């Protein structure tokens, strides 16, 4: 089973990848989502658990699939 810490780290890595691919800066995403830049940083660093609304908004704004933000391979939940 994947621990919460592993999930957070994997989500952060996926978010970082999506932001790099779309050339989106932390401040830009924070502004779009109505969040602080420090919250985006905590998500990217695996220090904050996103709620489902945040995951959906990120996927929508970055034009990224939710599965690519949350699917981490063959882990069983």
N, C-alpha and C. Protein backbone atom coordinates (compact mmCIF):
# COMPACT_ATOMS: atom_id res chain seq x y z
N UNK A 1 0.83 -1.18 0.00
CA UNK A 1 0.00 0.00 0.00
C UNK A 1 0.88 1.25 0.00
N UNK A 2 0.37 2.28 -0.63
CA UNK A 2 1.09 3.55 -0.67
C UNK A 2 0.73 4.37 0.56
N UNK A 3 1.75 4.84 1.23
CA UNK A 3 1.50 5.69 2.40
C UNK A 3 1.09 7.09 1.94
N UNK A 4 0.55 7.86 2.87
CA UNK A 4 0.17 9.24 2.56
C UNK A 4 1.39 10.06 2.16
N UNK A 5 2.51 9.80 2.81
CA UNK A 5 3.75 10.52 2.50
C UNK A 5 4.18 10.23 1.06
N UNK A 6 4.11 8.95 0.65
CA UNK A 6 4.46 8.59 -0.72
C UNK A 6 3.50 9.23 -1.71
N UNK A 7 2.21 9.22 -1.38
CA UNK A 7 1.21 9.81 -2.27
C UNK A 7 1.49 11.30 -2.45
N UNK A 8 1.75 11.99 -1.35
CA UNK A 8 2.04 13.42 -1.41
C UNK A 8 3.27 13.70 -2.26
N UNK A 9 4.30 12.91 -2.08
CA UNK A 9 5.53 13.08 -2.86
C UNK A 9 5.26 12.84 -4.35
N UNK A 10 4.52 11.79 -4.66
CA UNK A 10 4.21 11.48 -6.05
C UNK A 10 3.33 12.56 -6.68
N UNK A 11 2.34 13.04 -5.93
CA UNK A 11 1.50 14.11 -6.45
C UNK A 11 2.34 15.36 -6.70
N UNK A 12 3.20 15.70 -5.77
CA UNK A 12 4.08 16.86 -5.93
C UNK A 12 4.95 16.75 -7.16
N UNK A 13 5.50 15.55 -7.38
CA UNK A 13 6.32 15.33 -8.57
C UNK A 13 5.49 15.47 -9.85
N UNK A 14 4.28 14.93 -9.84
CA UNK A 14 3.41 15.03 -11.01
C UNK A 14 3.00 16.48 -11.28
N UNK A 15 2.70 17.21 -10.22
CA UNK A 15 2.35 18.62 -10.36
C UNK A 15 3.53 19.42 -10.90
N UNK A 16 4.70 19.17 -10.37
CA UNK A 16 5.90 19.86 -10.85
C UNK A 16 6.12 19.58 -12.33
N UNK A 17 5.98 18.32 -12.72
CA UNK A 17 6.14 17.95 -14.13
C UNK A 17 5.13 18.67 -15.01
N UNK A 18 3.87 18.70 -14.58
CA UNK A 18 2.82 19.36 -15.35
C UNK A 18 3.10 20.86 -15.48
N UNK A 19 3.55 21.46 -14.40
CA UNK A 19 3.84 22.89 -14.45
C UNK A 19 5.03 23.19 -15.35
N UNK A 20 6.05 22.36 -15.28
CA UNK A 20 7.21 22.55 -16.15
C UNK A 20 6.81 22.39 -17.62
N UNK A 21 6.03 21.37 -17.90
CA UNK A 21 5.61 21.09 -19.28
C UNK A 21 4.78 22.23 -19.85
N UNK A 22 3.96 22.83 -19.01
CA UNK A 22 3.07 23.90 -19.48
C UNK A 22 3.67 25.29 -19.23
N UNK A 23 4.91 25.33 -18.76
CA UNK A 23 5.59 26.60 -18.47
C UNK A 23 4.76 27.50 -17.54
N UNK A 24 4.22 26.90 -16.50
CA UNK A 24 3.40 27.62 -15.54
C UNK A 24 4.21 27.86 -14.27
N UNK A 25 4.27 29.10 -13.86
CA UNK A 25 4.99 29.47 -12.63
C UNK A 25 4.09 29.29 -11.42
N UNK A 26 4.70 29.11 -10.26
CA UNK A 26 3.93 28.96 -9.02
C UNK A 26 3.00 30.14 -8.79
N UNK A 27 3.50 31.34 -8.97
CA UNK A 27 2.69 32.54 -8.73
C UNK A 27 1.50 32.59 -9.67
N UNK A 28 1.72 32.19 -10.91
CA UNK A 28 0.64 32.19 -11.91
C UNK A 28 -0.45 31.21 -11.52
N UNK A 29 -0.06 29.98 -11.17
CA UNK A 29 -1.05 28.97 -10.79
C UNK A 29 -1.76 29.38 -9.51
N UNK A 30 -1.03 29.93 -8.57
CA UNK A 30 -1.63 30.39 -7.32
C UNK A 30 -2.70 31.44 -7.60
N UNK A 31 -2.40 32.38 -8.47
CA UNK A 31 -3.35 33.44 -8.80
C UNK A 31 -4.60 32.86 -9.46
N UNK A 32 -4.41 31.95 -10.40
CA UNK A 32 -5.53 31.33 -11.12
C UNK A 32 -6.43 30.57 -10.15
N UNK A 33 -5.82 29.85 -9.20
CA UNK A 33 -6.58 29.01 -8.27
C UNK A 33 -7.07 29.75 -7.04
N UNK A 34 -6.62 30.99 -6.87
CA UNK A 34 -7.00 31.74 -5.67
C UNK A 34 -6.33 31.19 -4.42
N UNK A 35 -5.11 30.72 -4.58
CA UNK A 35 -4.33 30.17 -3.48
C UNK A 35 -3.08 31.03 -3.29
N UNK A 36 -2.39 30.82 -2.20
CA UNK A 36 -1.12 31.50 -2.01
C UNK A 36 -0.03 30.74 -2.76
N UNK A 37 1.04 31.46 -3.10
CA UNK A 37 2.16 30.81 -3.75
C UNK A 37 2.80 29.78 -2.83
N UNK A 38 2.78 30.05 -1.54
CA UNK A 38 3.35 29.09 -0.59
C UNK A 38 2.53 27.79 -0.55
N UNK A 39 1.22 27.88 -0.77
CA UNK A 39 0.40 26.66 -0.84
C UNK A 39 0.78 25.83 -2.06
N UNK A 40 1.00 26.49 -3.19
CA UNK A 40 1.43 25.78 -4.40
C UNK A 40 2.78 25.12 -4.14
N UNK A 41 3.68 25.85 -3.52
CA UNK A 41 4.99 25.30 -3.18
C UNK A 41 4.87 24.07 -2.29
N UNK A 42 3.99 24.14 -1.27
CA UNK A 42 3.78 22.99 -0.37
C UNK A 42 3.21 21.80 -1.12
N UNK A 43 2.31 22.04 -2.08
CA UNK A 43 1.79 20.94 -2.90
C UNK A 43 2.91 20.30 -3.72
N UNK A 44 3.73 21.15 -4.33
CA UNK A 44 4.82 20.65 -5.17
C UNK A 44 5.86 19.89 -4.37
N UNK A 45 6.05 20.27 -3.11
CA UNK A 45 7.05 19.63 -2.25
C UNK A 45 6.50 18.49 -1.42
N UNK A 46 5.23 18.13 -1.65
CA UNK A 46 4.64 17.01 -0.92
C UNK A 46 4.39 17.30 0.54
N UNK A 47 4.16 18.57 0.87
CA UNK A 47 3.95 18.96 2.26
C UNK A 47 2.50 19.31 2.57
N UNK A 48 1.65 19.29 1.56
CA UNK A 48 0.24 19.65 1.76
C UNK A 48 -0.63 18.73 0.92
N UNK A 49 -1.68 18.22 1.53
CA UNK A 49 -2.62 17.33 0.84
C UNK A 49 -3.64 18.17 0.08
N UNK A 50 -3.73 17.99 -1.24
CA UNK A 50 -4.75 18.73 -1.99
C UNK A 50 -6.12 18.08 -1.80
N UNK A 51 -7.16 18.90 -1.80
CA UNK A 51 -8.50 18.31 -1.80
C UNK A 51 -8.89 18.03 -3.26
N UNK A 52 -9.96 17.31 -3.44
CA UNK A 52 -10.36 16.90 -4.79
C UNK A 52 -10.66 18.11 -5.66
N UNK A 53 -11.24 19.14 -5.09
CA UNK A 53 -11.54 20.36 -5.85
C UNK A 53 -10.26 20.97 -6.40
N UNK A 54 -9.22 21.03 -5.58
CA UNK A 54 -7.94 21.58 -6.00
C UNK A 54 -7.32 20.74 -7.11
N UNK A 55 -7.38 19.42 -6.97
CA UNK A 55 -6.84 18.54 -8.01
C UNK A 55 -7.57 18.78 -9.33
N UNK A 56 -8.89 18.87 -9.27
CA UNK A 56 -9.67 19.10 -10.49
C UNK A 56 -9.37 20.46 -11.11
N UNK A 57 -9.25 21.48 -10.28
CA UNK A 57 -8.93 22.82 -10.80
C UNK A 57 -7.55 22.86 -11.44
N UNK A 58 -6.58 22.23 -10.80
CA UNK A 58 -5.23 22.18 -11.37
C UNK A 58 -5.26 21.48 -12.72
N UNK A 59 -5.91 20.33 -12.78
CA UNK A 59 -5.99 19.59 -14.04
C UNK A 59 -6.65 20.44 -15.12
N UNK A 60 -7.71 21.12 -14.77
CA UNK A 60 -8.42 21.96 -15.74
C UNK A 60 -7.54 23.12 -16.21
N UNK A 61 -6.96 23.83 -15.27
CA UNK A 61 -6.18 25.02 -15.62
C UNK A 61 -4.91 24.69 -16.40
N UNK A 62 -4.29 23.54 -16.11
CA UNK A 62 -3.08 23.15 -16.82
C UNK A 62 -3.38 22.32 -18.06
N UNK A 63 -4.68 22.03 -18.28
CA UNK A 63 -5.10 21.16 -19.38
C UNK A 63 -4.36 19.82 -19.28
N UNK A 64 -4.42 19.26 -18.09
CA UNK A 64 -3.69 18.05 -17.73
C UNK A 64 -4.70 17.03 -17.24
N UNK A 65 -4.49 15.77 -17.49
CA UNK A 65 -5.42 14.74 -17.04
C UNK A 65 -5.30 14.50 -15.54
N UNK A 66 -6.43 14.38 -14.88
CA UNK A 66 -6.44 14.08 -13.45
C UNK A 66 -5.65 12.80 -13.19
N UNK A 67 -5.82 11.80 -14.04
CA UNK A 67 -5.09 10.55 -13.86
C UNK A 67 -3.58 10.76 -13.85
N UNK A 68 -3.10 11.70 -14.65
CA UNK A 68 -1.66 11.95 -14.69
C UNK A 68 -1.17 12.66 -13.44
N UNK A 69 -2.06 13.30 -12.72
CA UNK A 69 -1.71 13.93 -11.45
C UNK A 69 -1.83 12.96 -10.28
N UNK A 70 -2.67 11.94 -10.42
CA UNK A 70 -2.98 11.09 -9.26
C UNK A 70 -2.71 9.60 -9.46
N UNK A 71 -2.40 9.15 -10.67
CA UNK A 71 -2.18 7.73 -10.92
C UNK A 71 -0.69 7.46 -10.84
N UNK A 72 -0.29 6.67 -9.88
CA UNK A 72 1.13 6.44 -9.63
C UNK A 72 1.55 5.01 -9.91
N UNK A 73 1.03 4.45 -10.97
CA UNK A 73 1.50 3.12 -11.38
C UNK A 73 0.72 2.00 -10.74
N UNK A 74 1.47 1.00 -10.31
CA UNK A 74 0.87 -0.26 -9.86
C UNK A 74 0.59 -0.33 -8.38
N UNK A 75 0.58 0.81 -7.70
CA UNK A 75 0.27 0.79 -6.27
C UNK A 75 -1.18 0.37 -6.06
N UNK A 76 -1.39 -0.39 -5.00
CA UNK A 76 -2.72 -0.81 -4.62
C UNK A 76 -3.14 0.02 -3.42
N UNK A 77 -4.33 0.59 -3.50
CA UNK A 77 -4.82 1.43 -2.41
C UNK A 77 -5.76 0.63 -1.54
